[in-house]
Amino acid sequence: HVLKDGRDGQLTWESPGFSVGHLEGTALPGQPGNVALTGHILTISEGAVFRRLPEIPALLEAGQPVPIWVSTGEGSFLYWTEETRIVEPEDVSVVDATAEPTLTLITCIPAWNPTHRLVVTARAGFPAAP
């Protein structure tokens, strides 16, 4: 899974249908660095693997820790959500390398006419204190 050059020369996300995609060049789960994963929240022809991501901001605001498990052939890895943000489609800085094990989930919003990206950032280890 890769970032693609758009018609205007801008880098944009490409999300796979009916599955979670790993952005090429980012870390793998369980390794140091930024693991960037993409998926759809609601589409008829490509699934809705990240359909519950829009619930995370309210959970964090209410002080609830939000764990995210990532399972691969190498094992299962636990990350704790730290923040969410909404960015422009051209903002690829969210996949920049990090020193500590980080998970970045990216999806298009709103579902039917996406103009922005919802980005969920989580860290390996224990949840951040409220």
N, C-alpha and C. Protein backbone atom coordinates (compact mmCIF):
# COMPACT_ATOMS: atom_id res chain seq x y z
N HIS A 1 0.85 -1.17 0.00
CA HIS A 1 0.00 0.00 0.00
C HIS A 1 0.89 1.23 0.00
N VAL A 2 0.57 2.18 -0.82
CA VAL A 2 1.46 3.33 -1.00
C VAL A 2 0.69 4.64 -1.04
N LEU A 3 1.41 5.73 -0.87
CA LEU A 3 0.87 7.05 -1.18
C LEU A 3 1.00 7.21 -2.69
N LYS A 4 -0.03 7.75 -3.33
CA LYS A 4 -0.01 7.89 -4.78
C LYS A 4 0.09 9.35 -5.18
N ASP A 5 0.69 9.60 -6.34
CA ASP A 5 0.69 10.93 -6.91
C ASP A 5 -0.67 11.17 -7.55
N GLY A 6 -1.32 12.25 -7.14
CA GLY A 6 -2.59 12.61 -7.74
C GLY A 6 -2.38 13.31 -9.07
N ARG A 7 -3.46 13.63 -9.74
CA ARG A 7 -3.38 14.30 -11.04
C ARG A 7 -2.67 15.65 -10.95
N ASP A 8 -2.76 16.29 -9.78
CA ASP A 8 -2.14 17.61 -9.62
C ASP A 8 -0.73 17.52 -9.04
N GLY A 9 -0.17 16.31 -8.95
CA GLY A 9 1.17 16.14 -8.42
C GLY A 9 1.25 16.03 -6.91
N GLN A 10 0.10 16.15 -6.21
CA GLN A 10 0.05 16.03 -4.76
C GLN A 10 0.02 14.56 -4.36
N LEU A 11 0.66 14.23 -3.24
CA LEU A 11 0.57 12.88 -2.71
C LEU A 11 -0.78 12.71 -2.03
N THR A 12 -1.43 11.57 -2.25
CA THR A 12 -2.72 11.29 -1.63
C THR A 12 -2.72 9.85 -1.15
N TRP A 13 -3.68 9.52 -0.27
CA TRP A 13 -3.79 8.18 0.29
C TRP A 13 -4.51 7.28 -0.70
N GLU A 14 -4.17 6.02 -0.68
CA GLU A 14 -4.92 5.01 -1.41
C GLU A 14 -5.27 3.92 -0.41
N SER A 15 -6.57 3.75 -0.13
CA SER A 15 -7.01 2.75 0.84
C SER A 15 -7.52 1.51 0.12
N PRO A 16 -7.17 0.34 0.59
CA PRO A 16 -7.62 -0.90 -0.05
C PRO A 16 -9.08 -1.19 0.27
N GLY A 17 -9.72 -1.96 -0.58
CA GLY A 17 -11.10 -2.35 -0.33
C GLY A 17 -11.19 -3.51 0.64
N PHE A 18 -12.14 -3.45 1.56
CA PHE A 18 -12.48 -4.54 2.48
C PHE A 18 -11.34 -5.02 3.35
N SER A 19 -10.30 -4.20 3.53
CA SER A 19 -9.19 -4.59 4.40
C SER A 19 -8.46 -3.34 4.89
N VAL A 20 -7.58 -3.54 5.84
CA VAL A 20 -6.72 -2.48 6.33
C VAL A 20 -5.43 -2.52 5.54
N GLY A 21 -4.98 -1.37 5.07
CA GLY A 21 -3.74 -1.30 4.29
C GLY A 21 -2.60 -0.74 5.11
N HIS A 22 -1.43 -1.27 4.91
CA HIS A 22 -0.21 -0.78 5.55
C HIS A 22 0.52 0.11 4.56
N LEU A 23 0.82 1.35 4.95
CA LEU A 23 1.51 2.26 4.05
C LEU A 23 2.97 1.85 3.92
N GLU A 24 3.36 1.56 2.71
CA GLU A 24 4.72 1.15 2.40
C GLU A 24 5.71 2.19 2.91
N GLY A 25 6.80 1.73 3.51
CA GLY A 25 7.82 2.63 4.01
C GLY A 25 7.65 3.00 5.47
N THR A 26 6.51 2.61 6.09
CA THR A 26 6.34 2.86 7.51
C THR A 26 6.69 1.59 8.27
N ALA A 27 6.87 1.72 9.58
CA ALA A 27 7.27 0.59 10.42
C ALA A 27 6.22 -0.52 10.38
N LEU A 28 6.63 -1.69 10.79
CA LEU A 28 5.70 -2.82 10.94
C LEU A 28 5.26 -2.90 12.40
N PRO A 29 4.06 -3.42 12.67
CA PRO A 29 3.60 -3.56 14.06
C PRO A 29 4.63 -4.30 14.90
N GLY A 30 4.84 -3.79 16.12
CA GLY A 30 5.79 -4.39 17.04
C GLY A 30 7.20 -3.84 16.90
N GLN A 31 7.45 -3.03 15.89
CA GLN A 31 8.77 -2.44 15.69
C GLN A 31 8.76 -0.98 16.15
N PRO A 32 9.94 -0.43 16.46
CA PRO A 32 10.02 1.01 16.73
C PRO A 32 9.62 1.78 15.47
N GLY A 33 9.05 2.94 15.65
CA GLY A 33 8.67 3.77 14.51
C GLY A 33 7.18 3.88 14.35
N ASN A 34 6.77 4.53 13.28
CA ASN A 34 5.37 4.83 13.00
C ASN A 34 4.78 3.79 12.06
N VAL A 35 3.81 3.03 12.54
CA VAL A 35 3.07 2.07 11.72
C VAL A 35 1.85 2.82 11.20
N ALA A 36 1.76 3.04 9.90
CA ALA A 36 0.63 3.77 9.32
C ALA A 36 -0.29 2.80 8.59
N LEU A 37 -1.56 2.77 9.04
CA LEU A 37 -2.56 1.89 8.45
C LEU A 37 -3.74 2.71 7.95
N THR A 38 -4.30 2.32 6.82
CA THR A 38 -5.44 3.04 6.25
C THR A 38 -6.60 2.07 6.02
N GLY A 39 -7.80 2.63 6.00
CA GLY A 39 -9.00 1.85 5.72
C GLY A 39 -10.19 2.77 5.56
N HIS A 40 -11.26 2.23 5.02
CA HIS A 40 -12.48 3.01 4.80
C HIS A 40 -13.40 2.96 6.02
N ILE A 41 -14.19 4.04 6.24
CA ILE A 41 -15.19 4.00 7.31
C ILE A 41 -16.55 3.57 6.79
N LEU A 42 -16.84 3.85 5.52
CA LEU A 42 -18.14 3.46 4.98
C LEU A 42 -18.14 3.62 3.47
N THR A 43 -18.14 2.50 2.78
CA THR A 43 -18.30 2.52 1.33
C THR A 43 -19.12 1.30 0.94
N ILE A 44 -19.83 1.41 -0.14
CA ILE A 44 -20.61 0.27 -0.62
C ILE A 44 -19.71 -0.73 -1.31
N SER A 45 -18.79 -0.24 -2.12
CA SER A 45 -17.97 -1.13 -2.94
C SER A 45 -16.63 -1.50 -2.34
N GLU A 46 -16.22 -0.85 -1.20
CA GLU A 46 -14.90 -1.14 -0.65
C GLU A 46 -14.90 -1.41 0.85
N GLY A 47 -16.07 -1.58 1.46
CA GLY A 47 -16.14 -1.98 2.85
C GLY A 47 -16.11 -0.84 3.85
N ALA A 48 -16.01 -1.22 5.13
CA ALA A 48 -16.08 -0.26 6.23
C ALA A 48 -15.24 -0.73 7.41
N VAL A 49 -13.98 -1.10 7.17
CA VAL A 49 -13.15 -1.67 8.23
C VAL A 49 -12.84 -0.71 9.36
N PHE A 50 -12.88 0.60 9.10
CA PHE A 50 -12.61 1.60 10.13
C PHE A 50 -13.88 2.35 10.53
N ARG A 51 -15.02 1.71 10.40
CA ARG A 51 -16.31 2.37 10.65
C ARG A 51 -16.45 2.94 12.06
N ARG A 52 -15.72 2.41 13.04
CA ARG A 52 -15.86 2.90 14.42
C ARG A 52 -14.81 3.94 14.81
N LEU A 53 -13.89 4.26 13.92
CA LEU A 53 -12.89 5.27 14.26
C LEU A 53 -13.51 6.62 14.63
N PRO A 54 -14.58 7.07 13.98
CA PRO A 54 -15.16 8.37 14.37
C PRO A 54 -15.70 8.41 15.81
N GLU A 55 -15.83 7.27 16.47
CA GLU A 55 -16.26 7.23 17.87
C GLU A 55 -15.13 7.58 18.85
N ILE A 56 -13.90 7.46 18.41
CA ILE A 56 -12.75 7.60 19.31
C ILE A 56 -12.61 9.00 19.92
N PRO A 57 -12.78 10.10 19.16
CA PRO A 57 -12.62 11.41 19.79
C PRO A 57 -13.51 11.60 21.01
N ALA A 58 -14.77 11.18 20.95
CA ALA A 58 -15.68 11.35 22.09
C ALA A 58 -15.24 10.48 23.27
N LEU A 59 -14.75 9.29 23.00
CA LEU A 59 -14.27 8.41 24.08
C LEU A 59 -13.08 9.05 24.79
N LEU A 60 -12.15 9.58 24.01
CA LEU A 60 -10.97 10.23 24.61
C LEU A 60 -11.39 11.46 25.41
N GLU A 61 -12.31 12.23 24.87
CA GLU A 61 -12.77 13.43 25.58
C GLU A 61 -13.44 13.07 26.90
N ALA A 62 -14.09 11.90 26.95
CA ALA A 62 -14.75 11.44 28.18
C ALA A 62 -13.76 10.79 29.15
N GLY A 63 -12.48 10.75 28.76
CA GLY A 63 -11.46 10.20 29.64
C GLY A 63 -11.33 8.69 29.59
N GLN A 64 -11.95 8.06 28.60
CA GLN A 64 -11.87 6.60 28.48
C GLN A 64 -10.63 6.20 27.70
N PRO A 65 -9.82 5.30 28.23
CA PRO A 65 -8.69 4.80 27.45
C PRO A 65 -9.21 3.96 26.28
N VAL A 66 -8.57 4.10 25.13
CA VAL A 66 -9.00 3.36 23.95
C VAL A 66 -7.84 2.49 23.47
N PRO A 67 -7.91 1.17 23.76
CA PRO A 67 -6.86 0.27 23.29
C PRO A 67 -7.11 -0.13 21.83
N ILE A 68 -6.04 -0.35 21.11
CA ILE A 68 -6.14 -0.85 19.74
C ILE A 68 -5.18 -2.03 19.61
N TRP A 69 -5.72 -3.17 19.27
CA TRP A 69 -4.92 -4.37 19.04
C TRP A 69 -4.67 -4.51 17.55
N VAL A 70 -3.42 -4.76 17.16
CA VAL A 70 -3.06 -5.02 15.78
C VAL A 70 -2.50 -6.44 15.74
N SER A 71 -3.13 -7.30 14.95
CA SER A 71 -2.68 -8.69 14.84
C SER A 71 -2.09 -8.94 13.46
N THR A 72 -0.93 -9.58 13.46
CA THR A 72 -0.25 -9.94 12.22
C THR A 72 0.22 -11.38 12.35
N GLY A 73 0.87 -11.88 11.35
CA GLY A 73 1.45 -13.21 11.41
C GLY A 73 2.57 -13.30 12.43
N GLU A 74 3.10 -12.17 12.85
CA GLU A 74 4.19 -12.11 13.83
C GLU A 74 3.68 -12.05 15.26
N GLY A 75 2.38 -11.81 15.46
CA GLY A 75 1.82 -11.71 16.80
C GLY A 75 0.79 -10.59 16.90
N SER A 76 0.36 -10.32 18.14
CA SER A 76 -0.60 -9.24 18.41
C SER A 76 0.10 -8.15 19.20
N PHE A 77 -0.22 -6.90 18.87
CA PHE A 77 0.46 -5.76 19.46
C PHE A 77 -0.58 -4.77 19.97
N LEU A 78 -0.38 -4.29 21.20
CA LEU A 78 -1.31 -3.38 21.84
C LEU A 78 -0.79 -1.95 21.80
N TYR A 79 -1.66 -1.05 21.36
CA TYR A 79 -1.38 0.38 21.33
C TYR A 79 -2.50 1.08 22.09
N TRP A 80 -2.18 2.22 22.72
CA TRP A 80 -3.17 3.02 23.44
C TRP A 80 -3.34 4.35 22.73
N THR A 81 -4.57 4.68 22.39
CA THR A 81 -4.86 5.90 21.65
C THR A 81 -4.52 7.12 22.49
N GLU A 82 -3.81 8.07 21.87
CA GLU A 82 -3.43 9.31 22.54
C GLU A 82 -4.16 10.53 22.00
N GLU A 83 -4.39 10.56 20.70
CA GLU A 83 -5.04 11.74 20.13
C GLU A 83 -5.69 11.42 18.79
N THR A 84 -6.59 12.31 18.40
CA THR A 84 -7.17 12.26 17.06
C THR A 84 -7.08 13.66 16.49
N ARG A 85 -7.05 13.73 15.18
CA ARG A 85 -7.08 15.04 14.53
C ARG A 85 -7.63 14.88 13.11
N ILE A 86 -8.05 15.98 12.57
CA ILE A 86 -8.56 16.01 11.21
C ILE A 86 -7.58 16.82 10.38
N VAL A 87 -7.16 16.25 9.25
CA VAL A 87 -6.18 16.91 8.39
C VAL A 87 -6.69 16.97 6.96
N GLU A 88 -6.05 17.83 6.19
CA GLU A 88 -6.32 17.91 4.75
C GLU A 88 -5.76 16.65 4.07
N PRO A 89 -6.34 16.24 2.94
CA PRO A 89 -5.85 15.04 2.25
C PRO A 89 -4.38 15.11 1.86
N GLU A 90 -3.86 16.31 1.63
CA GLU A 90 -2.47 16.47 1.21
C GLU A 90 -1.48 16.39 2.36
N ASP A 91 -1.96 16.39 3.60
CA ASP A 91 -1.07 16.40 4.77
C ASP A 91 -0.57 14.99 5.04
N VAL A 92 0.58 14.67 4.48
CA VAL A 92 1.17 13.35 4.67
C VAL A 92 2.17 13.33 5.82
N SER A 93 2.29 14.45 6.55
CA SER A 93 3.21 14.50 7.68
C SER A 93 2.80 13.52 8.78
N VAL A 94 1.54 13.09 8.80
CA VAL A 94 1.08 12.17 9.84
C VAL A 94 1.74 10.80 9.74
N VAL A 95 2.40 10.51 8.63
CA VAL A 95 3.09 9.23 8.49
C VAL A 95 4.60 9.36 8.67
N ASP A 96 5.05 10.54 9.12
CA ASP A 96 6.47 10.73 9.37
C ASP A 96 6.97 9.72 10.40
N ALA A 97 8.24 9.39 10.31
CA ALA A 97 8.87 8.45 11.25
C ALA A 97 8.81 9.00 12.67
N THR A 98 8.73 8.09 13.64
CA THR A 98 8.75 8.44 15.06
C THR A 98 9.82 7.60 15.75
N ALA A 99 10.32 8.08 16.87
CA ALA A 99 11.34 7.34 17.61
C ALA A 99 10.73 6.17 18.38
N GLU A 100 9.55 6.38 18.97
CA GLU A 100 8.92 5.32 19.76
C GLU A 100 7.87 4.57 18.92
N PRO A 101 7.50 3.37 19.34
CA PRO A 101 6.49 2.60 18.61
C PRO A 101 5.15 3.36 18.60
N THR A 102 4.71 3.73 17.41
CA THR A 102 3.51 4.53 17.22
C THR A 102 2.63 3.86 16.18
N LEU A 103 1.33 3.98 16.38
CA LEU A 103 0.35 3.49 15.41
C LEU A 103 -0.45 4.68 14.91
N THR A 104 -0.54 4.83 13.60
CA THR A 104 -1.34 5.90 13.00
C THR A 104 -2.39 5.27 12.10
N LEU A 105 -3.66 5.51 12.43
CA LEU A 105 -4.77 5.01 11.62
C LEU A 105 -5.35 6.19 10.84
N ILE A 106 -5.60 5.98 9.56
CA ILE A 106 -6.05 7.07 8.69
C ILE A 106 -7.28 6.62 7.91
N THR A 107 -8.32 7.47 7.91
CA THR A 107 -9.51 7.19 7.13
C THR A 107 -10.06 8.50 6.58
N CYS A 108 -10.86 8.40 5.52
CA CYS A 108 -11.47 9.57 4.89
C CYS A 108 -12.76 9.93 5.60
N ILE A 109 -12.99 11.25 5.77
CA ILE A 109 -14.24 11.73 6.35
C ILE A 109 -14.72 12.96 5.59
N PRO A 110 -16.01 13.26 5.61
CA PRO A 110 -17.10 12.39 6.01
C PRO A 110 -17.25 11.22 5.03
N ALA A 111 -18.02 10.25 5.43
CA ALA A 111 -18.09 8.99 4.69
C ALA A 111 -18.50 9.14 3.23
N TRP A 112 -19.55 9.90 2.95
CA TRP A 112 -20.10 9.90 1.59
C TRP A 112 -19.50 10.93 0.66
N ASN A 113 -18.88 11.94 1.19
CA ASN A 113 -18.24 12.95 0.35
C ASN A 113 -16.96 13.39 1.06
N PRO A 114 -15.96 12.50 1.09
CA PRO A 114 -14.77 12.78 1.91
C PRO A 114 -13.97 13.97 1.42
N THR A 115 -13.72 14.88 2.35
CA THR A 115 -12.92 16.07 2.05
C THR A 115 -11.68 16.15 2.94
N HIS A 116 -11.66 15.37 4.02
CA HIS A 116 -10.57 15.41 4.98
C HIS A 116 -10.20 14.00 5.43
N ARG A 117 -9.19 13.91 6.29
CA ARG A 117 -8.77 12.64 6.84
C ARG A 117 -8.85 12.69 8.36
N LEU A 118 -9.43 11.66 8.95
CA LEU A 118 -9.40 11.47 10.40
C LEU A 118 -8.16 10.65 10.70
N VAL A 119 -7.33 11.16 11.60
CA VAL A 119 -6.08 10.50 11.97
C VAL A 119 -6.13 10.16 13.45
N VAL A 120 -5.92 8.90 13.77
CA VAL A 120 -5.90 8.42 15.16
C VAL A 120 -4.46 8.00 15.45
N THR A 121 -3.88 8.57 16.51
CA THR A 121 -2.50 8.25 16.88
C THR A 121 -2.50 7.51 18.21
N ALA A 122 -1.77 6.39 18.25
CA ALA A 122 -1.69 5.57 19.46
C ALA A 122 -0.22 5.19 19.69
N ARG A 123 0.11 4.88 20.95
CA ARG A 123 1.48 4.48 21.31
C ARG A 123 1.46 3.13 21.98
N ALA A 124 2.55 2.39 21.78
CA ALA A 124 2.70 1.10 22.45
C ALA A 124 2.98 1.36 23.93
N GLY A 125 2.62 0.42 24.78
CA GLY A 125 2.89 0.57 26.21
C GLY A 125 1.63 0.77 26.99
N PHE A 126 1.72 1.55 28.05
CA PHE A 126 0.58 1.77 28.93
C PHE A 126 -0.18 3.02 28.49
N PRO A 127 -1.47 3.11 28.82
CA PRO A 127 -2.24 4.30 28.43
C PRO A 127 -1.72 5.55 29.11
N ALA A 128 -1.86 6.68 28.41
CA ALA A 128 -1.45 7.96 28.98
C ALA A 128 -2.37 8.30 30.14
N ALA A 129 -1.81 8.94 31.15
CA ALA A 129 -2.61 9.35 32.31
C ALA A 129 -3.59 10.45 31.89
N PRO A 130 -4.81 10.44 32.46
CA PRO A 130 -5.80 11.46 32.08
C PRO A 130 -5.40 12.85 32.55
